[in-house]
Amino acid sequence: MTLNKLNEKYDEMQYKYGDPKLKSIFYGGCMEAPDICFVFMNPTGKNIASYPEWTGIRAPWVGTKNIWDLFVAIGKFNEEVYQEIKRIKPKDWTSDFADQVYSEVSRNRIFLTNLGKCTQTDAKLISNKIYHEYLSLLEREIEIINPKVIVLFGNQVSSVFLNQNISVSQCRKKQFEKVINGKTYRCFPIFYPIGNGRANIGKSIEDIKWIYNNILSK
């Protein structure tokens, strides 16, 4: 299954698991062997790329501010682009600016995606059952992209993806392995850095820096 076919499937699943008035959100960044694939939970209506009138890329975190603090803090994002994100209002993002932001993500060899591509109006919890419906599709996505390392944000995403109970507080800087179609990927559960997890962003930053310095630098 190609990325385009995956996108078609994600759009179909939006009507089943997301808000039918919103669009599904796909992924974005470096599409060929990125250093890190960051896997978040699922998008919400705060992402303006989910609006029906949006014509630009449907990538994670378009029109939002806080997540970009993380990438600046780990030294993997342009300061000028970041300051523009912080300056403008979410509704003032254009498709050209979204492209500029994701060119910067790609330049730093980062790929951003969600386990669930179903956009909700708010940040209500999604059941493991729904996430499991997306799991095989995410695995195919990862197989195509072929990242060096996978970072999993939060207990729920980590547990579903790794098929075991994960508490990120108990396994910081611990490597897990995930086999997809015969290839083994190195995975690291990390504290979720946004929303209710904002208080843990410092731990997320510390652990991601550790991955860069101790795993990717070798």
N, C-alpha and C. Protein backbone atom coordinates (compact mmCIF):
# COMPACT_ATOMS: atom_id res chain seq x y z
N MET A 1 0.84 -1.20 0.00
CA MET A 1 0.00 0.00 0.00
C MET A 1 0.87 1.25 0.00
N THR A 2 0.64 2.14 -0.94
CA THR A 2 1.42 3.37 -1.05
C THR A 2 0.91 4.41 -0.05
N LEU A 3 1.68 5.51 0.10
CA LEU A 3 1.24 6.59 0.98
C LEU A 3 -0.09 7.18 0.51
N ASN A 4 -0.25 7.33 -0.80
CA ASN A 4 -1.52 7.86 -1.31
C ASN A 4 -2.70 6.95 -0.96
N LYS A 5 -2.48 5.65 -1.04
CA LYS A 5 -3.54 4.71 -0.67
C LYS A 5 -3.81 4.76 0.83
N LEU A 6 -2.75 4.94 1.62
CA LEU A 6 -2.93 5.10 3.06
C LEU A 6 -3.78 6.33 3.35
N ASN A 7 -3.50 7.42 2.65
CA ASN A 7 -4.26 8.66 2.86
C ASN A 7 -5.74 8.46 2.54
N GLU A 8 -6.01 7.72 1.48
CA GLU A 8 -7.41 7.44 1.13
C GLU A 8 -8.09 6.65 2.24
N LYS A 9 -7.36 5.70 2.80
CA LYS A 9 -7.91 4.89 3.89
C LYS A 9 -8.13 5.75 5.13
N TYR A 10 -7.18 6.63 5.43
CA TYR A 10 -7.34 7.52 6.58
C TYR A 10 -8.57 8.40 6.42
N ASP A 11 -8.81 8.88 5.21
CA ASP A 11 -9.98 9.72 4.97
C ASP A 11 -11.27 8.93 5.17
N GLU A 12 -11.28 7.68 4.74
CA GLU A 12 -12.45 6.84 4.95
C GLU A 12 -12.71 6.63 6.45
N MET A 13 -11.64 6.42 7.20
CA MET A 13 -11.78 6.13 8.63
C MET A 13 -12.18 7.37 9.42
N GLN A 14 -11.94 8.56 8.87
CA GLN A 14 -12.34 9.79 9.55
C GLN A 14 -13.85 9.79 9.81
N TYR A 15 -14.61 9.32 8.84
CA TYR A 15 -16.06 9.33 8.98
C TYR A 15 -16.55 8.31 10.02
N LYS A 16 -15.73 7.32 10.29
CA LYS A 16 -16.10 6.29 11.26
C LYS A 16 -15.65 6.64 12.67
N TYR A 17 -14.44 7.21 12.79
CA TYR A 17 -13.85 7.40 14.11
C TYR A 17 -13.64 8.86 14.50
N GLY A 18 -13.72 9.78 13.54
CA GLY A 18 -13.50 11.19 13.83
C GLY A 18 -14.77 12.00 13.66
N ASP A 19 -14.62 13.31 13.71
CA ASP A 19 -15.74 14.20 13.45
C ASP A 19 -15.92 14.31 11.94
N PRO A 20 -17.08 13.93 11.40
CA PRO A 20 -17.28 13.95 9.95
C PRO A 20 -17.21 15.33 9.33
N LYS A 21 -17.28 16.39 10.17
CA LYS A 21 -17.19 17.74 9.65
C LYS A 21 -15.75 18.21 9.50
N LEU A 22 -14.81 17.40 9.99
CA LEU A 22 -13.39 17.73 9.92
C LEU A 22 -12.67 16.74 9.01
N LYS A 23 -11.49 17.13 8.54
CA LYS A 23 -10.66 16.26 7.72
C LYS A 23 -9.67 15.49 8.59
N SER A 24 -9.29 14.32 8.13
CA SER A 24 -8.22 13.59 8.79
C SER A 24 -6.89 14.30 8.56
N ILE A 25 -5.96 14.08 9.48
CA ILE A 25 -4.62 14.65 9.37
C ILE A 25 -3.64 13.51 9.11
N PHE A 26 -2.75 13.71 8.14
CA PHE A 26 -1.85 12.65 7.74
C PHE A 26 -0.52 12.68 8.51
N TYR A 27 0.51 13.26 7.96
CA TYR A 27 1.87 13.24 8.49
C TYR A 27 2.66 14.30 7.74
N GLY A 28 3.93 14.47 8.10
CA GLY A 28 4.74 15.44 7.38
C GLY A 28 6.18 15.43 7.82
N GLY A 29 7.03 16.00 7.00
CA GLY A 29 8.46 16.06 7.30
C GLY A 29 9.29 15.26 6.33
N CYS A 30 10.39 14.75 6.80
CA CYS A 30 11.32 13.98 5.98
C CYS A 30 10.73 12.62 5.64
N MET A 31 10.55 12.35 4.38
CA MET A 31 9.86 11.14 3.92
C MET A 31 10.81 9.99 3.57
N GLU A 32 12.10 10.23 3.61
CA GLU A 32 13.05 9.20 3.22
C GLU A 32 14.09 9.01 4.32
N ALA A 33 13.95 7.92 5.05
CA ALA A 33 14.89 7.55 6.11
C ALA A 33 15.21 8.69 7.07
N PRO A 34 14.20 9.27 7.72
CA PRO A 34 14.46 10.33 8.69
C PRO A 34 15.24 9.79 9.88
N ASP A 35 15.89 10.69 10.60
CA ASP A 35 16.58 10.27 11.81
C ASP A 35 15.57 9.80 12.86
N ILE A 36 14.49 10.57 13.02
CA ILE A 36 13.48 10.23 14.02
C ILE A 36 12.08 10.36 13.43
N CYS A 37 11.25 9.38 13.75
CA CYS A 37 9.81 9.46 13.52
C CYS A 37 9.16 9.69 14.88
N PHE A 38 8.47 10.82 15.04
CA PHE A 38 7.76 11.13 16.27
C PHE A 38 6.30 10.74 16.10
N VAL A 39 5.80 9.87 16.98
CA VAL A 39 4.42 9.39 16.89
C VAL A 39 3.60 9.97 18.05
N PHE A 40 2.62 10.82 17.70
CA PHE A 40 1.73 11.41 18.67
C PHE A 40 0.42 10.61 18.73
N MET A 41 -0.57 11.14 19.43
CA MET A 41 -1.82 10.41 19.64
C MET A 41 -2.77 10.54 18.46
N ASN A 42 -3.51 11.66 18.41
CA ASN A 42 -4.44 11.92 17.32
C ASN A 42 -4.66 13.43 17.23
N PRO A 43 -5.04 13.93 16.07
CA PRO A 43 -5.23 15.37 15.90
C PRO A 43 -6.57 15.84 16.46
N THR A 44 -6.66 17.14 16.70
CA THR A 44 -7.91 17.76 17.10
C THR A 44 -8.22 18.92 16.17
N GLY A 45 -9.37 19.52 16.38
CA GLY A 45 -9.79 20.64 15.56
C GLY A 45 -8.94 21.88 15.72
N LYS A 46 -8.01 21.87 16.69
CA LYS A 46 -7.08 23.00 16.80
C LYS A 46 -6.12 23.04 15.62
N ASN A 47 -5.96 21.92 14.95
CA ASN A 47 -5.15 21.86 13.74
C ASN A 47 -6.00 22.40 12.58
N ILE A 48 -5.63 23.57 12.07
CA ILE A 48 -6.48 24.20 11.05
C ILE A 48 -6.44 23.46 9.72
N ALA A 49 -5.50 22.53 9.56
CA ALA A 49 -5.49 21.72 8.34
C ALA A 49 -6.67 20.76 8.30
N SER A 50 -7.38 20.63 9.42
CA SER A 50 -8.56 19.76 9.45
C SER A 50 -9.82 20.48 8.98
N TYR A 51 -9.72 21.80 8.76
CA TYR A 51 -10.89 22.54 8.30
C TYR A 51 -11.18 22.20 6.83
N PRO A 52 -12.43 22.07 6.47
CA PRO A 52 -12.78 21.73 5.08
C PRO A 52 -12.25 22.72 4.06
N GLU A 53 -12.11 23.98 4.45
CA GLU A 53 -11.66 25.00 3.49
C GLU A 53 -10.14 25.04 3.33
N TRP A 54 -9.42 24.30 4.17
CA TRP A 54 -7.95 24.29 4.08
C TRP A 54 -7.50 23.55 2.82
N THR A 55 -6.57 24.14 2.06
CA THR A 55 -6.12 23.53 0.81
C THR A 55 -4.64 23.13 0.84
N GLY A 56 -3.98 23.35 1.98
CA GLY A 56 -2.56 23.04 2.08
C GLY A 56 -2.31 21.62 2.58
N ILE A 57 -1.09 21.37 3.04
CA ILE A 57 -0.74 20.05 3.54
C ILE A 57 -1.54 19.74 4.80
N ARG A 58 -1.92 18.48 4.93
CA ARG A 58 -2.64 18.04 6.13
C ARG A 58 -1.66 17.31 7.04
N ALA A 59 -0.85 18.08 7.73
CA ALA A 59 0.21 17.55 8.57
C ALA A 59 -0.08 17.87 10.04
N PRO A 60 0.54 17.15 10.98
CA PRO A 60 0.30 17.40 12.40
C PRO A 60 0.67 18.82 12.83
N TRP A 61 -0.12 19.35 13.76
CA TRP A 61 0.19 20.59 14.48
C TRP A 61 0.16 21.86 13.63
N VAL A 62 -0.47 21.83 12.46
CA VAL A 62 -0.58 23.04 11.64
C VAL A 62 -1.50 24.04 12.36
N GLY A 63 -1.03 25.26 12.54
CA GLY A 63 -1.83 26.28 13.20
C GLY A 63 -1.77 26.24 14.72
N THR A 64 -0.86 25.45 15.27
CA THR A 64 -0.71 25.39 16.73
C THR A 64 0.65 25.96 17.11
N LYS A 65 0.84 26.20 18.39
CA LYS A 65 2.05 26.88 18.84
C LYS A 65 2.95 26.01 19.74
N ASN A 66 2.37 25.35 20.75
CA ASN A 66 3.18 24.81 21.84
C ASN A 66 4.14 23.70 21.46
N ILE A 67 3.75 22.85 20.51
CA ILE A 67 4.61 21.71 20.18
C ILE A 67 5.95 22.16 19.63
N TRP A 68 5.98 23.33 18.99
CA TRP A 68 7.22 23.77 18.36
C TRP A 68 8.25 24.19 19.39
N ASP A 69 7.82 24.44 20.65
CA ASP A 69 8.77 24.68 21.74
C ASP A 69 9.71 23.50 21.89
N LEU A 70 9.15 22.30 21.74
CA LEU A 70 9.94 21.07 21.90
C LEU A 70 11.06 21.00 20.88
N PHE A 71 10.76 21.28 19.63
CA PHE A 71 11.75 21.11 18.57
C PHE A 71 12.83 22.19 18.62
N VAL A 72 12.47 23.38 19.07
CA VAL A 72 13.48 24.41 19.28
C VAL A 72 14.39 24.01 20.44
N ALA A 73 13.80 23.48 21.50
CA ALA A 73 14.57 23.13 22.69
C ALA A 73 15.57 22.01 22.43
N ILE A 74 15.26 21.11 21.50
CA ILE A 74 16.21 20.04 21.19
C ILE A 74 17.18 20.45 20.08
N GLY A 75 17.07 21.70 19.64
CA GLY A 75 18.00 22.22 18.65
C GLY A 75 17.72 21.76 17.24
N LYS A 76 16.45 21.46 16.94
CA LYS A 76 16.11 20.92 15.63
C LYS A 76 15.03 21.73 14.92
N PHE A 77 15.12 23.06 15.06
CA PHE A 77 14.16 23.92 14.39
C PHE A 77 14.71 25.32 14.31
N ASN A 78 14.43 25.99 13.19
CA ASN A 78 14.93 27.34 12.94
C ASN A 78 14.26 28.35 13.86
N GLU A 79 15.06 29.19 14.51
CA GLU A 79 14.55 30.14 15.49
C GLU A 79 13.64 31.18 14.84
N GLU A 80 13.97 31.65 13.64
CA GLU A 80 13.15 32.66 12.97
C GLU A 80 11.77 32.12 12.60
N VAL A 81 11.74 30.91 12.09
CA VAL A 81 10.45 30.29 11.77
C VAL A 81 9.64 30.09 13.04
N TYR A 82 10.31 29.67 14.09
CA TYR A 82 9.65 29.47 15.39
C TYR A 82 9.03 30.77 15.90
N GLN A 83 9.78 31.86 15.82
CA GLN A 83 9.26 33.14 16.30
C GLN A 83 8.04 33.58 15.49
N GLU A 84 8.02 33.25 14.22
CA GLU A 84 6.86 33.58 13.40
C GLU A 84 5.65 32.74 13.82
N ILE A 85 5.88 31.49 14.14
CA ILE A 85 4.80 30.63 14.65
C ILE A 85 4.21 31.23 15.91
N LYS A 86 5.07 31.70 16.80
CA LYS A 86 4.61 32.25 18.07
C LYS A 86 3.91 33.60 17.88
N ARG A 87 4.29 34.31 16.82
CA ARG A 87 3.76 35.66 16.61
C ARG A 87 2.36 35.67 16.01
N ILE A 88 2.14 34.82 15.01
CA ILE A 88 0.89 34.89 14.27
C ILE A 88 -0.21 34.08 14.95
N LYS A 89 -1.46 34.42 14.64
CA LYS A 89 -2.59 33.68 15.16
C LYS A 89 -2.79 32.41 14.33
N PRO A 90 -3.34 31.38 14.94
CA PRO A 90 -3.55 30.13 14.20
C PRO A 90 -4.29 30.33 12.87
N LYS A 91 -5.29 31.19 12.86
CA LYS A 91 -6.07 31.38 11.64
C LYS A 91 -5.27 32.07 10.53
N ASP A 92 -4.12 32.65 10.90
CA ASP A 92 -3.31 33.36 9.92
C ASP A 92 -2.28 32.47 9.23
N TRP A 93 -2.22 31.20 9.63
CA TRP A 93 -1.36 30.28 8.88
C TRP A 93 -1.89 30.17 7.45
N THR A 94 -0.99 30.19 6.50
CA THR A 94 -1.33 29.94 5.11
C THR A 94 -0.73 28.62 4.68
N SER A 95 -1.15 28.13 3.54
CA SER A 95 -0.56 26.88 3.04
C SER A 95 0.93 27.06 2.77
N ASP A 96 1.33 28.25 2.31
CA ASP A 96 2.75 28.51 2.07
C ASP A 96 3.54 28.49 3.37
N PHE A 97 2.96 29.05 4.44
CA PHE A 97 3.68 29.05 5.72
C PHE A 97 3.76 27.63 6.28
N ALA A 98 2.70 26.85 6.12
CA ALA A 98 2.74 25.46 6.55
C ALA A 98 3.85 24.70 5.81
N ASP A 99 3.99 24.97 4.51
CA ASP A 99 5.07 24.36 3.73
C ASP A 99 6.43 24.79 4.27
N GLN A 100 6.56 26.06 4.65
CA GLN A 100 7.82 26.56 5.19
C GLN A 100 8.15 25.85 6.51
N VAL A 101 7.15 25.71 7.37
CA VAL A 101 7.37 25.03 8.64
C VAL A 101 7.80 23.59 8.41
N TYR A 102 7.14 22.90 7.50
CA TYR A 102 7.48 21.49 7.29
C TYR A 102 8.74 21.30 6.45
N SER A 103 9.14 22.31 5.72
CA SER A 103 10.46 22.25 5.09
C SER A 103 11.55 22.24 6.16
N GLU A 104 11.28 22.98 7.23
CA GLU A 104 12.22 23.01 8.35
C GLU A 104 12.23 21.68 9.10
N VAL A 105 11.06 21.09 9.27
CA VAL A 105 10.97 19.76 9.88
C VAL A 105 11.76 18.76 9.04
N SER A 106 11.57 18.81 7.74
CA SER A 106 12.25 17.89 6.83
C SER A 106 13.76 18.11 6.83
N ARG A 107 14.16 19.39 6.84
CA ARG A 107 15.59 19.71 6.84
C ARG A 107 16.30 19.09 8.03
N ASN A 108 15.61 18.99 9.14
CA ASN A 108 16.18 18.41 10.35
C ASN A 108 15.98 16.89 10.42
N ARG A 109 15.54 16.31 9.29
CA ARG A 109 15.39 14.86 9.15
C ARG A 109 14.47 14.28 10.22
N ILE A 110 13.32 14.96 10.38
CA ILE A 110 12.29 14.55 11.33
C ILE A 110 11.01 14.24 10.56
N PHE A 111 10.29 13.24 11.01
CA PHE A 111 9.00 12.87 10.44
C PHE A 111 7.98 12.89 11.57
N LEU A 112 6.87 13.60 11.38
CA LEU A 112 5.82 13.71 12.39
C LEU A 112 4.56 13.00 11.93
N THR A 113 3.99 12.22 12.82
CA THR A 113 2.76 11.50 12.50
C THR A 113 1.97 11.25 13.78
N ASN A 114 0.76 10.74 13.62
CA ASN A 114 -0.09 10.33 14.74
C ASN A 114 -0.44 8.86 14.61
N LEU A 115 -0.61 8.19 15.75
CA LEU A 115 -1.09 6.82 15.70
C LEU A 115 -2.48 6.78 15.09
N GLY A 116 -3.37 7.63 15.59
CA GLY A 116 -4.70 7.75 15.02
C GLY A 116 -4.78 9.00 14.15
N LYS A 117 -5.28 8.86 12.96
CA LYS A 117 -5.39 10.01 12.05
C LYS A 117 -6.78 10.65 12.11
N CYS A 118 -7.63 10.16 13.01
CA CYS A 118 -9.00 10.65 13.10
C CYS A 118 -9.05 11.94 13.92
N THR A 119 -9.47 13.02 13.30
CA THR A 119 -9.53 14.32 13.96
C THR A 119 -10.81 14.44 14.78
N GLN A 120 -10.63 14.77 16.07
CA GLN A 120 -11.75 15.03 16.96
C GLN A 120 -11.91 16.53 17.16
N THR A 121 -13.06 16.96 17.61
CA THR A 121 -13.25 18.39 17.88
C THR A 121 -12.42 18.85 19.06
N ASP A 122 -12.17 17.92 20.01
CA ASP A 122 -11.40 18.29 21.20
C ASP A 122 -10.43 17.16 21.52
N ALA A 123 -9.81 17.24 22.70
CA ALA A 123 -8.77 16.28 23.07
C ALA A 123 -9.30 15.12 23.91
N LYS A 124 -10.53 14.74 23.67
CA LYS A 124 -11.07 13.60 24.41
C LYS A 124 -10.30 12.33 24.09
N LEU A 125 -10.24 11.44 25.06
CA LEU A 125 -9.46 10.22 24.89
C LEU A 125 -10.09 9.30 23.84
N ILE A 126 -9.23 8.67 23.07
CA ILE A 126 -9.64 7.66 22.10
C ILE A 126 -9.31 6.29 22.67
N SER A 127 -10.18 5.34 22.46
CA SER A 127 -9.98 4.01 23.03
C SER A 127 -8.85 3.26 22.34
N ASN A 128 -8.27 2.33 23.06
CA ASN A 128 -7.25 1.47 22.46
C ASN A 128 -7.80 0.73 21.25
N LYS A 129 -9.07 0.38 21.30
CA LYS A 129 -9.68 -0.36 20.19
C LYS A 129 -9.59 0.43 18.90
N ILE A 130 -9.85 1.73 18.98
CA ILE A 130 -9.76 2.57 17.78
C ILE A 130 -8.31 2.69 17.32
N TYR A 131 -7.40 2.90 18.27
CA TYR A 131 -5.99 2.99 17.89
C TYR A 131 -5.51 1.71 17.22
N HIS A 132 -5.99 0.58 17.68
CA HIS A 132 -5.59 -0.69 17.05
C HIS A 132 -6.09 -0.78 15.61
N GLU A 133 -7.18 -0.09 15.30
CA GLU A 133 -7.68 -0.07 13.93
C GLU A 133 -6.70 0.65 13.00
N TYR A 134 -5.93 1.56 13.57
CA TYR A 134 -4.95 2.32 12.79
C TYR A 134 -3.55 1.70 12.81
N LEU A 135 -3.32 0.76 13.68
CA LEU A 135 -1.95 0.29 13.92
C LEU A 135 -1.29 -0.29 12.67
N SER A 136 -1.98 -1.16 11.96
CA SER A 136 -1.36 -1.78 10.78
C SER A 136 -1.06 -0.74 9.70
N LEU A 137 -1.89 0.30 9.62
CA LEU A 137 -1.66 1.36 8.65
C LEU A 137 -0.43 2.18 9.04
N LEU A 138 -0.28 2.48 10.33
CA LEU A 138 0.91 3.19 10.78
C LEU A 138 2.16 2.35 10.54
N GLU A 139 2.05 1.05 10.76
CA GLU A 139 3.19 0.17 10.51
C GLU A 139 3.61 0.23 9.04
N ARG A 140 2.65 0.25 8.15
CA ARG A 140 2.97 0.37 6.72
C ARG A 140 3.58 1.73 6.42
N GLU A 141 3.06 2.77 7.05
CA GLU A 141 3.60 4.13 6.90
C GLU A 141 5.07 4.14 7.31
N ILE A 142 5.37 3.53 8.44
CA ILE A 142 6.75 3.49 8.94
C ILE A 142 7.63 2.67 8.03
N GLU A 143 7.08 1.58 7.51
CA GLU A 143 7.85 0.74 6.58
C GLU A 143 8.26 1.54 5.35
N ILE A 144 7.37 2.36 4.85
CA ILE A 144 7.67 3.18 3.67
C ILE A 144 8.68 4.26 4.00
N ILE A 145 8.49 4.95 5.13
CA ILE A 145 9.36 6.07 5.51
C ILE A 145 10.73 5.57 5.96
N ASN A 146 10.76 4.47 6.72
CA ASN A 146 12.00 3.82 7.15
C ASN A 146 12.86 4.72 8.06
N PRO A 147 12.34 5.12 9.23
CA PRO A 147 13.12 5.95 10.14
C PRO A 147 14.20 5.17 10.88
N LYS A 148 15.22 5.88 11.33
CA LYS A 148 16.27 5.24 12.12
C LYS A 148 15.80 4.93 13.54
N VAL A 149 15.00 5.85 14.09
CA VAL A 149 14.50 5.72 15.47
C VAL A 149 13.05 6.16 15.49
N ILE A 150 12.25 5.52 16.34
CA ILE A 150 10.86 5.91 16.54
C ILE A 150 10.67 6.38 17.98
N VAL A 151 10.13 7.57 18.15
CA VAL A 151 9.81 8.10 19.46
C VAL A 151 8.29 8.05 19.64
N LEU A 152 7.86 7.41 20.70
CA LEU A 152 6.44 7.22 20.98
C LEU A 152 6.04 8.10 22.17
N PHE A 153 5.07 8.97 21.96
CA PHE A 153 4.70 9.92 23.01
C PHE A 153 3.53 9.39 23.85
N GLY A 154 3.81 9.14 25.12
CA GLY A 154 2.76 8.80 26.06
C GLY A 154 2.56 7.31 26.27
N ASN A 155 1.92 6.98 27.39
CA ASN A 155 1.70 5.58 27.76
C ASN A 155 0.82 4.84 26.76
N GLN A 156 -0.27 5.49 26.33
CA GLN A 156 -1.24 4.79 25.49
C GLN A 156 -0.66 4.49 24.11
N VAL A 157 -0.06 5.48 23.48
CA VAL A 157 0.55 5.26 22.16
C VAL A 157 1.64 4.20 22.25
N SER A 158 2.48 4.31 23.28
CA SER A 158 3.58 3.36 23.45
C SER A 158 3.06 1.94 23.66
N SER A 159 2.03 1.80 24.48
CA SER A 159 1.49 0.47 24.79
C SER A 159 0.85 -0.18 23.57
N VAL A 160 0.09 0.60 22.82
CA VAL A 160 -0.57 0.04 21.63
C VAL A 160 0.47 -0.32 20.57
N PHE A 161 1.41 0.57 20.33
CA PHE A 161 2.38 0.34 19.27
C PHE A 161 3.30 -0.83 19.60
N LEU A 162 3.69 -0.95 20.86
CA LEU A 162 4.63 -2.01 21.26
C LEU A 162 3.94 -3.28 21.74
N ASN A 163 2.61 -3.23 21.83
CA ASN A 163 1.81 -4.39 22.24
C ASN A 163 2.21 -4.92 23.62
N GLN A 164 2.42 -3.99 24.54
CA GLN A 164 2.68 -4.34 25.93
C GLN A 164 2.38 -3.12 26.80
N ASN A 165 2.14 -3.35 28.07
CA ASN A 165 1.85 -2.24 28.96
C ASN A 165 3.11 -1.42 29.22
N ILE A 166 3.03 -0.15 28.89
CA ILE A 166 4.18 0.74 29.02
C ILE A 166 3.84 1.90 29.95
N SER A 167 4.71 2.15 30.90
CA SER A 167 4.66 3.36 31.71
C SER A 167 5.93 4.15 31.41
N VAL A 168 5.79 5.28 30.74
CA VAL A 168 6.97 6.00 30.30
C VAL A 168 7.84 6.44 31.47
N SER A 169 7.25 6.64 32.62
CA SER A 169 8.04 7.06 33.79
C SER A 169 8.97 5.95 34.27
N GLN A 170 8.64 4.70 33.90
CA GLN A 170 9.44 3.57 34.33
C GLN A 170 10.45 3.10 33.29
N CYS A 171 10.44 3.70 32.12
CA CYS A 171 11.34 3.19 31.07
C CYS A 171 12.00 4.33 30.30
N ARG A 172 12.32 5.39 30.99
CA ARG A 172 13.01 6.51 30.33
C ARG A 172 14.37 6.06 29.82
N LYS A 173 14.68 6.46 28.59
CA LYS A 173 15.94 6.13 27.93
C LYS A 173 16.13 4.62 27.73
N LYS A 174 15.04 3.90 27.70
CA LYS A 174 15.08 2.46 27.47
C LYS A 174 14.63 2.17 26.06
N GLN A 175 15.41 1.34 25.36
CA GLN A 175 15.09 1.00 23.97
C GLN A 175 14.21 -0.24 23.91
N PHE A 176 13.16 -0.15 23.10
CA PHE A 176 12.32 -1.29 22.77
C PHE A 176 12.47 -1.57 21.28
N GLU A 177 12.09 -2.77 20.87
CA GLU A 177 12.20 -3.13 19.47
C GLU A 177 10.83 -3.48 18.90
N LYS A 178 10.62 -3.05 17.68
CA LYS A 178 9.38 -3.34 16.96
C LYS A 178 9.74 -3.90 15.59
N VAL A 179 9.28 -5.09 15.29
CA VAL A 179 9.57 -5.73 14.00
C VAL A 179 8.39 -5.48 13.07
N ILE A 180 8.68 -4.87 11.93
CA ILE A 180 7.68 -4.62 10.90
C ILE A 180 8.16 -5.22 9.60
N ASN A 181 7.44 -6.22 9.12
CA ASN A 181 7.77 -6.89 7.87
C ASN A 181 9.25 -7.31 7.81
N GLY A 182 9.71 -7.87 8.92
CA GLY A 182 11.06 -8.43 8.96
C GLY A 182 12.16 -7.46 9.38
N LYS A 183 11.85 -6.17 9.48
CA LYS A 183 12.86 -5.19 9.88
C LYS A 183 12.60 -4.73 11.31
N THR A 184 13.68 -4.63 12.10
CA THR A 184 13.59 -4.22 13.48
C THR A 184 13.83 -2.72 13.61
N TYR A 185 12.90 -2.04 14.28
CA TYR A 185 13.01 -0.60 14.51
C TYR A 185 13.25 -0.34 16.00
N ARG A 186 14.13 0.62 16.27
CA ARG A 186 14.43 1.02 17.65
C ARG A 186 13.40 2.04 18.11
N CYS A 187 12.75 1.77 19.24
CA CYS A 187 11.65 2.61 19.72
C CYS A 187 11.92 3.08 21.15
N PHE A 188 11.49 4.32 21.42
CA PHE A 188 11.69 4.89 22.74
C PHE A 188 10.41 5.58 23.22
N PRO A 189 9.76 5.06 24.27
CA PRO A 189 8.62 5.75 24.86
C PRO A 189 9.08 7.02 25.59
N ILE A 190 8.32 8.10 25.40
CA ILE A 190 8.66 9.41 25.95
C ILE A 190 7.40 10.04 26.55
N PHE A 191 7.58 10.86 27.58
CA PHE A 191 6.45 11.60 28.13
C PHE A 191 5.76 12.43 27.05
N TYR A 192 4.42 12.48 27.10
CA TYR A 192 3.67 13.33 26.17
C TYR A 192 3.88 14.78 26.58
N PRO A 193 4.30 15.66 25.66
CA PRO A 193 4.74 17.01 26.04
C PRO A 193 3.72 18.12 25.89
N ILE A 194 2.49 17.79 25.49
CA ILE A 194 1.50 18.80 25.15
C ILE A 194 0.22 18.55 25.93
N GLY A 195 -0.61 19.59 26.07
CA GLY A 195 -1.88 19.44 26.76
C GLY A 195 -1.68 19.13 28.23
N ASN A 196 -2.32 18.06 28.71
CA ASN A 196 -2.17 17.67 30.11
C ASN A 196 -0.75 17.24 30.45
N GLY A 197 0.02 16.89 29.41
CA GLY A 197 1.40 16.47 29.63
C GLY A 197 2.41 17.60 29.57
N ARG A 198 1.93 18.83 29.46
CA ARG A 198 2.83 19.98 29.31
C ARG A 198 3.84 20.07 30.44
N ALA A 199 3.44 19.68 31.65
CA ALA A 199 4.34 19.75 32.80
C ALA A 199 5.55 18.85 32.64
N ASN A 200 5.45 17.87 31.74
CA ASN A 200 6.55 16.91 31.55
C ASN A 200 7.41 17.22 30.33
N ILE A 201 7.22 18.39 29.72
CA ILE A 201 7.97 18.67 28.50
C ILE A 201 9.48 18.68 28.74
N GLY A 202 9.90 19.10 29.93
CA GLY A 202 11.33 19.11 30.24
C GLY A 202 11.92 17.70 30.19
N LYS A 203 11.16 16.71 30.68
CA LYS A 203 11.62 15.32 30.63
C LYS A 203 11.64 14.82 29.19
N SER A 204 10.66 15.24 28.41
CA SER A 204 10.63 14.85 27.00
C SER A 204 11.87 15.39 26.28
N ILE A 205 12.17 16.65 26.52
CA ILE A 205 13.34 17.29 25.90
C ILE A 205 14.62 16.57 26.31
N GLU A 206 14.75 16.29 27.59
CA GLU A 206 15.96 15.61 28.09
C GLU A 206 16.14 14.25 27.42
N ASP A 207 15.06 13.49 27.32
CA ASP A 207 15.17 12.13 26.76
C ASP A 207 15.43 12.15 25.26
N ILE A 208 14.83 13.10 24.55
CA ILE A 208 15.08 13.19 23.11
C ILE A 208 16.52 13.61 22.85
N LYS A 209 17.03 14.55 23.62
CA LYS A 209 18.44 14.92 23.48
C LYS A 209 19.33 13.72 23.74
N TRP A 210 18.97 12.92 24.71
CA TRP A 210 19.75 11.71 25.02
C TRP A 210 19.76 10.76 23.82
N ILE A 211 18.62 10.62 23.16
CA ILE A 211 18.55 9.75 21.98
C ILE A 211 19.48 10.26 20.88
N TYR A 212 19.46 11.56 20.65
CA TYR A 212 20.35 12.12 19.63
C TYR A 212 21.82 11.90 20.00
N ASN A 213 22.15 12.10 21.25
CA ASN A 213 23.55 12.05 21.66
C ASN A 213 24.09 10.64 21.86
N ASN A 214 23.21 9.71 22.21
CA ASN A 214 23.67 8.37 22.56
C ASN A 214 23.25 7.27 21.59
N ILE A 215 22.27 7.53 20.77
CA ILE A 215 21.79 6.53 19.82
C ILE A 215 22.09 6.94 18.39
N LEU A 216 21.63 8.11 18.01
CA LEU A 216 21.80 8.54 16.62
C LEU A 216 23.20 9.00 16.29
N SER A 217 23.98 9.37 17.29
CA SER A 217 25.34 9.84 17.02
C SER A 217 26.32 8.68 16.79
N LYS A 218 25.86 7.45 17.06
CA LYS A 218 26.76 6.30 16.90
C LYS A 218 26.68 5.74 15.49
